Protein backbone atom coordinates (compact mmCIF):
# COMPACT_ATOMS: atom_id res chain seq x y z
CA MET A 1 -25.21 -3.78 2.85
CA PRO A 2 -21.51 -4.45 3.96
CA THR A 3 -19.40 -1.60 5.20
CA GLN A 4 -16.72 -0.55 2.92
CA PRO A 5 -13.01 -0.82 4.18
CA SER A 6 -11.20 1.95 5.70
CA LEU A 7 -8.09 2.89 7.78
CA THR A 8 -7.14 5.21 10.26
CA LEU A 9 -3.51 6.31 10.81
CA GLN A 10 -1.80 8.72 13.31
CA ARG A 11 1.42 10.40 13.91
CA ARG A 12 2.80 12.98 16.37
CA ILE A 13 5.10 15.22 14.44
CA ASN A 14 7.51 17.65 15.85
CA ALA A 15 6.25 20.77 13.88
CA LYS A 16 3.31 23.17 14.09
CA PRO A 17 0.31 22.36 12.18
CA ALA A 18 0.92 25.13 9.56
CA LYS A 19 4.32 23.66 8.58
CA ILE A 20 2.75 20.14 8.16
CA TYR A 21 -0.05 21.61 6.25
CA ALA A 22 2.22 23.44 3.87
CA ALA A 23 4.36 20.12 3.36
CA TRP A 24 1.09 18.39 2.38
CA THR A 25 -0.33 21.01 0.14
CA VAL A 26 2.46 22.89 -1.76
CA PRO A 27 3.55 20.78 -4.68
CA SER A 28 7.25 21.83 -4.45
CA GLN A 29 7.34 20.46 -0.91
CA ILE A 30 5.20 17.35 -1.68
CA VAL A 31 8.00 16.24 -4.28
CA LYS A 32 10.71 16.32 -1.65
CA TRP A 33 9.34 13.89 1.02
CA MET A 34 6.30 11.99 -0.46
CA HIS A 35 7.98 8.55 -1.40
CA PRO A 36 5.26 5.73 -0.88
CA ASN A 37 6.78 2.42 -1.31
CA ASN A 38 10.03 3.98 -2.72
CA ASN A 39 8.06 5.84 -5.46
CA ASP A 40 9.00 9.42 -6.49
CA VAL A 41 6.65 12.05 -6.95
CA ILE A 42 7.50 13.59 -10.29
CA HIS A 43 4.74 15.98 -10.59
CA ALA A 44 2.13 17.45 -8.15
CA GLU A 45 -0.51 19.83 -8.65
CA MET A 46 -2.72 21.34 -5.77
CA ASP A 47 -5.48 23.71 -6.13
CA VAL A 48 -6.42 23.77 -2.45
CA ARG A 49 -10.05 25.13 -2.24
CA VAL A 50 -13.43 23.41 -2.02
CA GLY A 51 -14.05 22.33 -5.53
CA GLY A 52 -10.29 22.59 -6.32
CA ARG A 53 -8.40 19.48 -7.88
CA PHE A 54 -5.25 17.83 -6.97
CA ARG A 55 -3.13 15.44 -9.03
CA ILE A 56 -0.07 13.43 -8.09
CA LEU A 57 2.10 11.60 -10.33
CA LEU A 58 4.38 8.94 -8.99
CA ARG A 59 7.09 6.91 -10.69
CA THR A 60 8.22 3.45 -9.35
CA PRO A 61 11.90 2.49 -9.04
CA GLU A 62 10.95 0.33 -12.18
CA GLY A 63 10.03 3.34 -14.22
CA GLU A 64 6.22 2.58 -14.13
CA GLU A 65 4.18 5.73 -13.54
CA HIS A 66 0.87 5.92 -11.41
CA ASP A 67 -1.32 8.92 -11.49
CA VAL A 68 -3.80 9.79 -8.66
CA SER A 69 -6.17 12.78 -8.39
CA GLY A 70 -9.25 14.09 -6.61
CA VAL A 71 -11.23 17.00 -5.55
CA PHE A 72 -11.13 18.97 -2.23
CA GLN A 73 -14.59 18.69 -0.61
CA GLU A 74 -13.42 20.62 2.70
CA VAL A 75 -10.60 22.82 3.33
CA VAL A 76 -9.81 24.28 6.78
CA PRO A 77 -6.23 25.84 6.39
CA ASP A 78 -3.60 24.32 8.99
CA GLU A 79 -6.42 21.95 10.38
CA LYS A 80 -8.29 19.83 8.02
CA LEU A 81 -8.61 18.72 4.35
CA VAL A 82 -11.11 16.31 2.82
CA TYR A 83 -10.71 14.93 -0.60
CA THR A 84 -11.68 12.27 -2.92
CA TRP A 85 -9.01 9.87 -4.03
CA ALA A 86 -8.82 7.92 -7.44
CA TRP A 87 -6.28 6.24 -9.40
CA ARG A 88 -6.26 7.25 -13.08
CA SER A 89 -6.22 3.34 -13.81
CA THR A 90 -9.24 2.77 -11.61
CA PRO A 91 -11.57 5.79 -11.59
CA GLU A 92 -14.54 3.98 -10.67
CA ARG A 93 -12.86 3.18 -7.32
CA GLU A 94 -13.07 6.59 -5.73
CA SER A 95 -12.37 6.65 -2.17
CA LEU A 96 -12.34 9.46 0.50
CA VAL A 97 -9.44 10.90 2.61
CA THR A 98 -9.73 13.02 5.57
CA PHE A 99 -6.50 14.71 6.94
CA THR A 100 -6.68 16.49 10.23
CA LEU A 101 -4.06 18.34 12.29
CA ARG A 102 -4.34 19.19 16.08
CA SER A 103 -1.73 21.18 17.99
CA GLU A 104 -0.45 19.40 21.05
CA GLU A 105 -0.39 21.05 24.45
CA ASP A 106 3.17 22.42 23.89
CA GLY A 107 2.28 23.90 20.49
CA GLU A 108 5.29 22.66 18.97
CA ARG A 109 3.99 19.24 18.17
CA THR A 110 1.03 18.03 16.21
CA LEU A 111 -1.18 15.02 15.95
CA LEU A 112 -1.83 14.08 12.52
CA THR A 113 -4.81 11.84 11.77
CA LEU A 114 -5.32 10.48 8.27
CA LYS A 115 -8.57 8.58 7.51
CA HIS A 116 -8.92 6.86 4.15
CA GLU A 117 -12.48 5.16 3.71
CA GLN A 118 -14.61 3.86 1.07
CA PHE A 119 -12.20 1.32 -0.49
CA ALA A 120 -13.71 -0.99 -3.02
CA ASP A 121 -12.12 -3.91 -1.24
CA VAL A 122 -9.78 -5.11 1.66
CA GLU A 123 -6.80 -5.71 -0.81
CA ALA A 124 -7.10 -1.78 -1.80
CA ARG A 125 -7.30 -0.81 1.90
CA ASP A 126 -4.23 -2.95 2.81
CA ASN A 127 -2.06 -1.68 -0.22
CA HIS A 128 -2.96 1.82 0.72
CA GLU A 129 -2.07 1.11 4.38
CA VAL A 130 1.41 0.31 3.52
CA GLY A 131 1.71 3.40 1.24
CA TRP A 132 0.24 5.80 3.70
CA ASN A 133 2.49 4.62 6.39
CA ASN A 134 5.68 4.94 4.32
CA VAL A 135 4.36 8.53 3.49
CA LEU A 136 3.58 9.46 7.24
CA ASP A 137 6.94 8.15 8.50
CA GLU A 138 8.82 10.17 5.78
CA LEU A 139 6.95 13.34 6.77
CA ALA A 140 7.59 12.67 10.48
CA ARG A 141 11.23 12.32 9.68
CA GLN A 142 11.26 15.72 7.78
CA PHE A 143 10.48 17.43 10.97
CA ALA A 144 12.57 15.18 13.47
């Protein structure tokens, strides 16, 4: 059986893990910085606990809305999140995101690793890679 496409991205961010974790998990913070492909987050819900759900509603510059949601499978505050990821338009194409934070030697910087796996196809992976790179670049700018 062929392996499903995946991607792994990393960023070094000038902030402690707790600040990055909060930016990633607190809805009022997410709407401020998450802008994949120039989309805006117009609504975010986060129930950050194992079995809890999240939902993010994005709006494109043209006014189109895209809705993504999932369920948290692993939660280690300030260190790791594992959650499912599925767009409302294609719920059968559920994938898996693992977000990890590791404090660097000085304690003031963090290595963020985002692994997104179980994509339905290479095109889906490539599209998400562009969006995730936008998101991680903007997150890093928030703490520059």
